Amino acid sequence: MYSIFLCLLSGEVEFCYQKDTARCITKDSIGVKGIVNNIAINPSIDTHQVKEKITCTFKRLADIESEHITTEVNQNTGILRGRVHSIKEKEEANKTAYFTAGITKLIVIGTDRRLLFGEFGD
């Protein structure tokens, strides 16, 4: 017989995906019925560096036409504006921001029917 547990996660990580990974690994543990994820995202870089990292990654990726996307960072929130030409391009743009240290929330604003969209974070 198994006991049922509520698991409390706490601590600090640098990336949003690390917080999500801790939750995903824990949720499949035997007996865990619920998770409270209080892990804080505490990046070690400033917002200007975050914006530069996202912009440089867009320029390196062949799947993203970076000239159609502008990037802003306000504290830990990444803001992407613009348009994409495919679902793959949208997914790559969102993934790039998601895996950047310091981004805990993403707001995406599009300009036509093929919008960048989606949001992640707490």
Protein backbone atom coordinates (compact mmCIF):
# COMPACT_ATOMS: atom_id res chain seq x y z
CA MET A 1 0.00 0.00 0.00
CA TYR A 2 1.26 3.45 -0.93
CA SER A 3 0.85 6.70 0.94
CA ILE A 4 -0.37 9.73 -0.98
CA PHE A 5 1.86 12.77 -0.80
CA LEU A 6 1.68 16.42 -1.72
CA CYS A 7 5.17 17.37 -2.85
CA LEU A 8 6.54 20.85 -2.18
CA LEU A 9 9.35 21.94 -4.50
CA SER A 10 11.48 24.90 -3.44
CA GLY A 11 14.82 26.43 -4.27
CA GLU A 12 16.27 28.55 -7.04
CA VAL A 13 17.14 27.82 -10.67
CA GLU A 14 18.44 29.96 -13.49
CA PHE A 15 16.14 28.82 -16.30
CA CYS A 16 12.37 28.39 -16.64
CA TYR A 17 12.81 24.95 -18.21
CA GLN A 18 14.68 23.76 -15.08
CA LYS A 19 11.66 24.60 -12.93
CA ASP A 20 9.37 22.74 -15.35
CA THR A 21 11.71 19.74 -15.46
CA ALA A 22 11.71 19.45 -11.66
CA ARG A 23 7.89 19.36 -11.71
CA CYS A 24 7.76 16.81 -14.53
CA ILE A 25 10.22 14.46 -12.84
CA THR A 26 8.42 14.68 -9.51
CA LYS A 27 4.86 14.22 -10.80
CA ASP A 28 5.56 10.65 -11.92
CA SER A 29 6.93 9.52 -8.55
CA ILE A 30 4.95 6.80 -6.80
CA GLY A 31 2.51 8.19 -4.27
CA VAL A 32 2.73 11.83 -5.38
CA LYS A 33 -0.80 13.14 -5.73
CA GLY A 34 -0.03 16.85 -6.11
CA ILE A 35 2.85 19.28 -6.50
CA VAL A 36 3.36 22.80 -5.24
CA ASN A 37 6.18 24.25 -7.34
CA ASN A 38 7.67 27.14 -5.38
CA ILE A 39 10.98 27.04 -7.22
CA ALA A 40 12.11 30.60 -7.97
CA ILE A 41 13.79 31.54 -11.21
CA ASN A 42 16.76 33.69 -10.36
CA PRO A 43 18.83 34.49 -13.46
CA SER A 44 22.43 35.57 -13.22
CA ILE A 45 22.26 37.96 -16.20
CA ASP A 46 20.65 41.35 -16.71
CA THR A 47 17.72 42.17 -19.00
CA HIS A 48 19.90 43.73 -21.71
CA GLN A 49 21.92 40.51 -21.94
CA VAL A 50 18.68 38.48 -22.14
CA LYS A 51 17.41 40.57 -25.06
CA GLU A 52 20.74 40.27 -26.87
CA LYS A 53 20.83 36.48 -26.39
CA ILE A 54 17.33 36.05 -27.86
CA THR A 55 18.03 38.37 -30.80
CA CYS A 56 21.35 36.68 -31.61
CA THR A 57 19.77 33.23 -31.45
CA PHE A 58 17.01 34.34 -33.85
CA LYS A 59 19.64 35.55 -36.31
CA ARG A 60 21.54 32.23 -36.11
CA LEU A 61 18.49 30.06 -36.70
CA ALA A 62 17.66 29.47 -40.34
CA ASP A 63 14.06 28.62 -39.41
CA ILE A 64 13.30 32.11 -38.10
CA GLU A 65 13.20 35.26 -40.21
CA SER A 66 14.45 37.50 -37.43
CA GLU A 67 13.83 40.75 -39.29
CA HIS A 68 10.08 40.22 -38.78
CA ILE A 69 10.35 39.76 -34.99
CA THR A 70 11.30 42.39 -32.43
CA THR A 71 12.33 41.48 -28.92
CA GLU A 72 11.80 43.38 -25.68
CA VAL A 73 12.58 42.35 -22.12
CA ASN A 74 10.86 43.92 -19.14
CA GLN A 75 12.30 42.48 -15.93
CA ASN A 76 11.79 38.71 -16.43
CA THR A 77 9.13 38.99 -19.13
CA GLY A 78 10.10 38.49 -22.76
CA ILE A 79 7.94 40.27 -25.34
CA LEU A 80 8.05 39.11 -28.95
CA ARG A 81 6.31 41.21 -31.59
CA GLY A 82 5.91 40.47 -35.24
CA ARG A 83 4.83 37.74 -37.59
CA VAL A 84 5.98 34.33 -38.67
CA HIS A 85 5.36 32.32 -41.80
CA SER A 86 4.82 28.88 -40.31
CA ILE A 87 3.95 26.99 -37.15
CA LYS A 88 7.55 25.72 -37.04
CA GLU A 89 8.89 29.27 -37.07
CA LYS A 90 6.49 30.22 -34.26
CA GLU A 91 7.55 27.21 -32.20
CA GLU A 92 11.25 27.99 -32.71
CA ALA A 93 10.77 31.61 -31.63
CA ASN A 94 8.87 30.58 -28.49
CA LYS A 95 11.38 27.83 -27.68
CA THR A 96 14.30 30.23 -28.09
CA ALA A 97 12.82 32.63 -25.53
CA TYR A 98 11.82 29.77 -23.20
CA PHE A 99 15.37 28.42 -23.01
CA THR A 100 16.93 31.83 -22.35
CA ALA A 101 18.13 32.47 -18.81
CA GLY A 102 16.06 35.12 -17.08
CA ILE A 103 12.79 34.69 -18.97
CA THR A 104 9.98 33.52 -16.70
CA LYS A 105 7.05 34.73 -18.79
CA LEU A 106 6.60 35.25 -22.50
CA ILE A 107 4.11 37.58 -24.17
CA VAL A 108 3.82 37.29 -27.91
CA ILE A 109 2.04 39.86 -30.10
CA GLY A 110 1.45 39.17 -33.80
CA THR A 111 0.52 41.32 -36.75
CA ASP A 112 -1.60 39.05 -38.95
CA ARG A 113 -3.51 35.75 -38.98
CA ARG A 114 -0.28 33.77 -38.62
CA LEU A 115 0.42 35.23 -35.23
CA LEU A 116 3.11 34.42 -32.83
CA PHE A 117 1.17 33.38 -29.78
CA GLY A 118 1.43 31.57 -26.49
CA GLU A 119 2.45 32.21 -22.96
CA PHE A 120 4.36 30.26 -20.36
CA GLY A 121 5.37 30.83 -16.80
CA ASP A 122 3.78 30.60 -13.40
